[in-house]
Amino acid sequence: MAPAIGSKPPAQGQNRRVSKYDPLWRHVETQQESSLTMTFDEIKAILGFDIDHSFLNYKKELLTSGWQVDKISLKNRTVIFTHLPPGA
């Protein structure tokens, strides 16, 4: 089946389904620092919804971009993202 008019084919090695967390992953990927701390409210502002338990399953998607979810604090309502060193 041909791609929809105006759509771009996925880049080589990026044949993955669209995730509900893709807007957040794109935001994290643009950061220049080695780590990023975001509040649940900041994440909701990007996604348009609260993170839920499924976040624990989806967080592994970020590894392909060289980032990881380092810590989720329910008490502080924050998520810490860490940029992985090249080759990690």
Foldseek 3Di string as FASTA:
>chain_A
DDDDPPDDDDDPPPPDDDDLQVQVLVVVLPDDDQKDKDAQVRSCVRRVDGDDPCCVVVQVVSVVSQKGFDDQDPVRRMIMIGGHDPPD
